Amino acid sequence: MPNDAYTQQALAADASFRRRVRSAMSSVAWTVIDEDPGTTNHFNRKNYANQVIRNLDNEVTVVLPNIVFRPNVMNFGTTADYDFPTQTLQIVSASGDPDILAQITSDWNDMAASAGFATPT
């Protein structure tokens, strides 16, 4: 069954997936901090990275509802698995951690601009 708004919003609300996105956001932020200052848009990218590092949980909350609809997450199956012994429901994405990391890396400039760190004109 293809993903839709229901599957992806359930994924965004899943605590396990949130931790995966949190780890990826932190990793990308530190990579941006250490990148070559000559990188296009580095000033804005670094400012956003500093914001992410200082307030990681807030930034994850902001981007999570959108990340689940990006291609490297949306294009992988999302399922609901019920564990009867523990009586818990887990939403599972077939998107791997490298896919999430790649999506956040490719979206970093857009996320920085959305956070108010736009490229000067």
C-alpha atoms as a PDB file:
ATOM      1  CA  MET A   1       0.000   0.000   0.000  1.00  0.00           C
ATOM      2  CA  PRO A   2       1.477   3.389  -0.938  1.00  0.00           C
ATOM      3  CA  ASN A   3       2.124   6.004   1.694  1.00  0.00           C
ATOM      4  CA  ASP A   4      -0.412   8.765   2.200  1.00  0.00           C
ATOM      5  CA  ALA A   5      -1.063  11.592   4.641  1.00  0.00           C
ATOM      6  CA  TYR A   6      -2.302   9.119   7.249  1.00  0.00           C
ATOM      7  CA  THR A   7       0.783   6.901   7.188  1.00  0.00           C
ATOM      8  CA  GLN A   8       3.213   9.793   7.108  1.00  0.00           C
ATOM      9  CA  GLN A   9       1.628  11.800   9.908  1.00  0.00           C
ATOM     10  CA  ALA A  10       1.567   8.641  12.030  1.00  0.00           C
ATOM     11  CA  LEU A  11       5.276   8.282  11.240  1.00  0.00           C
ATOM     12  CA  ALA A  12       5.908  11.901  12.239  1.00  0.00           C
ATOM     13  CA  ALA A  13       4.232  11.210  15.594  1.00  0.00           C
ATOM     14  CA  ASP A  14       6.235   8.031  16.258  1.00  0.00           C
ATOM     15  CA  ALA A  15       8.803   8.443  19.056  1.00  0.00           C
ATOM     16  CA  SER A  16      11.278   6.014  17.496  1.00  0.00           C
ATOM     17  CA  PHE A  17      11.245   7.796  14.142  1.00  0.00           C
ATOM     18  CA  ARG A  18      11.587  11.142  15.933  1.00  0.00           C
ATOM     19  CA  ARG A  19      14.808   9.895  17.561  1.00  0.00           C
ATOM     20  CA  ARG A  20      16.150   8.880  14.155  1.00  0.00           C
ATOM     21  CA  VAL A  21      15.414  12.322  12.704  1.00  0.00           C
ATOM     22  CA  ARG A  22      16.895  13.957  15.816  1.00  0.00           C
ATOM     23  CA  SER A  23      20.144  12.035  15.321  1.00  0.00           C
ATOM     24  CA  ALA A  24      20.290  12.956  11.645  1.00  0.00           C
ATOM     25  CA  MET A  25      19.611  16.646  12.363  1.00  0.00           C
ATOM     26  CA  SER A  26      22.407  16.720  14.937  1.00  0.00           C
ATOM     27  CA  SER A  27      24.817  14.951  12.596  1.00  0.00           C
ATOM     28  CA  VAL A  28      24.119  17.297   9.688  1.00  0.00           C
ATOM     29  CA  ALA A  29      24.376  20.370  11.928  1.00  0.00           C
ATOM     30  CA  TRP A  30      27.849  19.387  13.120  1.00  0.00           C
ATOM     31  CA  THR A  31      28.914  18.585   9.550  1.00  0.00           C
ATOM     32  CA  VAL A  32      27.791  22.065   8.455  1.00  0.00           C
ATOM     33  CA  ILE A  33      29.671  23.695  11.360  1.00  0.00           C
ATOM     34  CA  ASP A  34      32.842  21.963  10.150  1.00  0.00           C
ATOM     35  CA  GLU A  35      32.338  22.510   6.404  1.00  0.00           C
ATOM     36  CA  ASP A  36      34.582  24.699   4.261  1.00  0.00           C
ATOM     37  CA  PRO A  37      33.666  28.367   4.801  1.00  0.00           C
ATOM     38  CA  GLY A  38      33.783  28.725   1.008  1.00  0.00           C
ATOM     39  CA  THR A  39      30.728  26.476   0.669  1.00  0.00           C
ATOM     40  CA  THR A  40      27.876  28.275  -1.075  1.00  0.00           C
ATOM     41  CA  ASN A  41      25.529  29.804   1.517  1.00  0.00           C
ATOM     42  CA  HIS A  42      27.855  28.722   4.353  1.00  0.00           C
ATOM     43  CA  PHE A  43      27.060  31.728   6.567  1.00  0.00           C
ATOM     44  CA  ASN A  44      23.332  30.972   6.595  1.00  0.00           C
ATOM     45  CA  ARG A  45      23.851  27.211   6.749  1.00  0.00           C
ATOM     46  CA  LYS A  46      26.138  27.632   9.768  1.00  0.00           C
ATOM     47  CA  ASN A  47      23.735  30.004  11.528  1.00  0.00           C
ATOM     48  CA  TYR A  48      20.962  27.447  11.158  1.00  0.00           C
ATOM     49  CA  ALA A  49      23.316  24.669  12.315  1.00  0.00           C
ATOM     50  CA  ASN A  50      24.052  26.683  15.467  1.00  0.00           C
ATOM     51  CA  GLN A  51      20.319  27.086  16.068  1.00  0.00           C
ATOM     52  CA  VAL A  52      19.789  23.353  15.624  1.00  0.00           C
ATOM     53  CA  ILE A  53      22.630  22.496  18.005  1.00  0.00           C
ATOM     54  CA  ARG A  54      21.359  24.912  20.663  1.00  0.00           C
ATOM     55  CA  ASN A  55      17.723  23.859  20.400  1.00  0.00           C
ATOM     56  CA  LEU A  56      17.688  20.437  18.768  1.00  0.00           C
ATOM     57  CA  ASP A  57      14.359  19.194  20.095  1.00  0.00           C
ATOM     58  CA  ASN A  58      12.519  22.313  18.972  1.00  0.00           C
ATOM     59  CA  GLU A  59      13.993  22.171  15.463  1.00  0.00           C
ATOM     60  CA  VAL A  60      13.101  18.481  15.166  1.00  0.00           C
ATOM     61  CA  THR A  61       9.526  19.316  16.157  1.00  0.00           C
ATOM     62  CA  VAL A  62       9.432  22.014  13.482  1.00  0.00           C
ATOM     63  CA  VAL A  63      10.781  19.913  10.589  1.00  0.00           C
ATOM     64  CA  LEU A  64       9.392  16.469  11.425  1.00  0.00           C
ATOM     65  CA  PRO A  65       5.898  16.946   9.910  1.00  0.00           C
ATOM     66  CA  ASN A  66       7.562  17.927   6.625  1.00  0.00           C
ATOM     67  CA  ILE A  67      10.477  15.476   6.517  1.00  0.00           C
ATOM     68  CA  VAL A  68       8.061  12.536   6.356  1.00  0.00           C
ATOM     69  CA  PHE A  69       6.792  13.813   2.993  1.00  0.00           C
ATOM     70  CA  ARG A  70      10.224  14.281   1.418  1.00  0.00           C
ATOM     71  CA  PRO A  71      11.241  11.702  -1.233  1.00  0.00           C
ATOM     72  CA  ASN A  72      13.856   9.796   0.809  1.00  0.00           C
ATOM     73  CA  VAL A  73      11.194   9.052   3.425  1.00  0.00           C
ATOM     74  CA  MET A  74       7.908   9.149   1.506  1.00  0.00           C
ATOM     75  CA  ASN A  75       9.091   6.727  -1.186  1.00  0.00           C
ATOM     76  CA  PHE A  76       9.784   3.951   1.340  1.00  0.00           C
ATOM     77  CA  GLY A  77       6.951   1.919   2.826  1.00  0.00           C
ATOM     78  CA  THR A  78       5.487   2.931   6.176  1.00  0.00           C
ATOM     79  CA  THR A  79       3.662   0.297   8.180  1.00  0.00           C
ATOM     80  CA  ALA A  80       2.011  -0.086  11.565  1.00  0.00           C
ATOM     81  CA  ASP A  81       3.144  -3.053  13.650  1.00  0.00           C
ATOM     82  CA  TYR A  82       1.264  -4.079  16.779  1.00  0.00           C
ATOM     83  CA  ASP A  83       3.230  -6.008  19.388  1.00  0.00           C
ATOM     84  CA  PHE A  84       0.702  -8.075  21.335  1.00  0.00           C
ATOM     85  CA  PRO A  85       2.977  -9.030  24.263  1.00  0.00           C
ATOM     86  CA  THR A  86       3.796  -5.387  25.046  1.00  0.00           C
ATOM     87  CA  GLN A  87       0.504  -4.047  23.654  1.00  0.00           C
ATOM     88  CA  THR A  88       2.286  -1.296  21.767  1.00  0.00           C
ATOM     89  CA  LEU A  89       1.856   0.057  18.273  1.00  0.00           C
ATOM     90  CA  GLN A  90       4.968   1.043  16.377  1.00  0.00           C
ATOM     91  CA  ILE A  91       5.004   2.909  13.102  1.00  0.00           C
ATOM     92  CA  VAL A  92       7.868   1.632  10.967  1.00  0.00           C
ATOM     93  CA  SER A  93       9.473   3.233   7.928  1.00  0.00           C
ATOM     94  CA  ALA A  94      11.573   1.229   5.505  1.00  0.00           C
ATOM     95  CA  SER A  95      13.577   4.407   4.976  1.00  0.00           C
ATOM     96  CA  GLY A  96      17.056   3.801   6.349  1.00  0.00           C
ATOM     97  CA  ASP A  97      19.104   6.167   8.464  1.00  0.00           C
ATOM     98  CA  PRO A  98      21.332   7.023   5.463  1.00  0.00           C
ATOM     99  CA  ASP A  99      18.188   8.003   3.527  1.00  0.00           C
ATOM    100  CA  ILE A 100      17.016  10.301   6.314  1.00  0.00           C
ATOM    101  CA  LEU A 101      20.491  11.797   6.638  1.00  0.00           C
ATOM    102  CA  ALA A 102      20.712  12.393   2.880  1.00  0.00           C
ATOM    103  CA  GLN A 103      17.284  14.054   2.807  1.00  0.00           C
ATOM    104  CA  ILE A 104      18.103  16.420   5.657  1.00  0.00           C
ATOM    105  CA  THR A 105      21.476  17.204   4.078  1.00  0.00           C
ATOM    106  CA  SER A 106      19.866  18.050   0.735  1.00  0.00           C
ATOM    107  CA  ASP A 107      17.133  20.128   2.419  1.00  0.00           C
ATOM    108  CA  TRP A 108      19.492  22.055   4.734  1.00  0.00           C
ATOM    109  CA  ASN A 109      19.551  25.290   2.699  1.00  0.00           C
ATOM    110  CA  ASP A 110      15.757  25.330   2.476  1.00  0.00           C
ATOM    111  CA  MET A 111      15.393  24.613   6.183  1.00  0.00           C
ATOM    112  CA  ALA A 112      17.862  27.403   6.957  1.00  0.00           C
ATOM    113  CA  ALA A 113      15.875  29.813   4.791  1.00  0.00           C
ATOM    114  CA  SER A 114      12.619  28.751   6.461  1.00  0.00           C
ATOM    115  CA  ALA A 115      14.214  29.427   9.841  1.00  0.00           C
ATOM    116  CA  GLY A 116      14.986  32.977   8.730  1.00  0.00           C
ATOM    117  CA  PHE A 117      18.537  32.492   7.495  1.00  0.00           C
ATOM    118  CA  ALA A 118      17.946  33.474   3.897  1.00  0.00           C
ATOM    119  CA  THR A 119      20.632  34.101   1.360  1.00  0.00           C
ATOM    120  CA  PRO A 120      21.293  37.863   1.178  1.00  0.00           C
ATOM    121  CA  THR A 121      20.176  39.489  -2.060  1.00  0.00           C
END
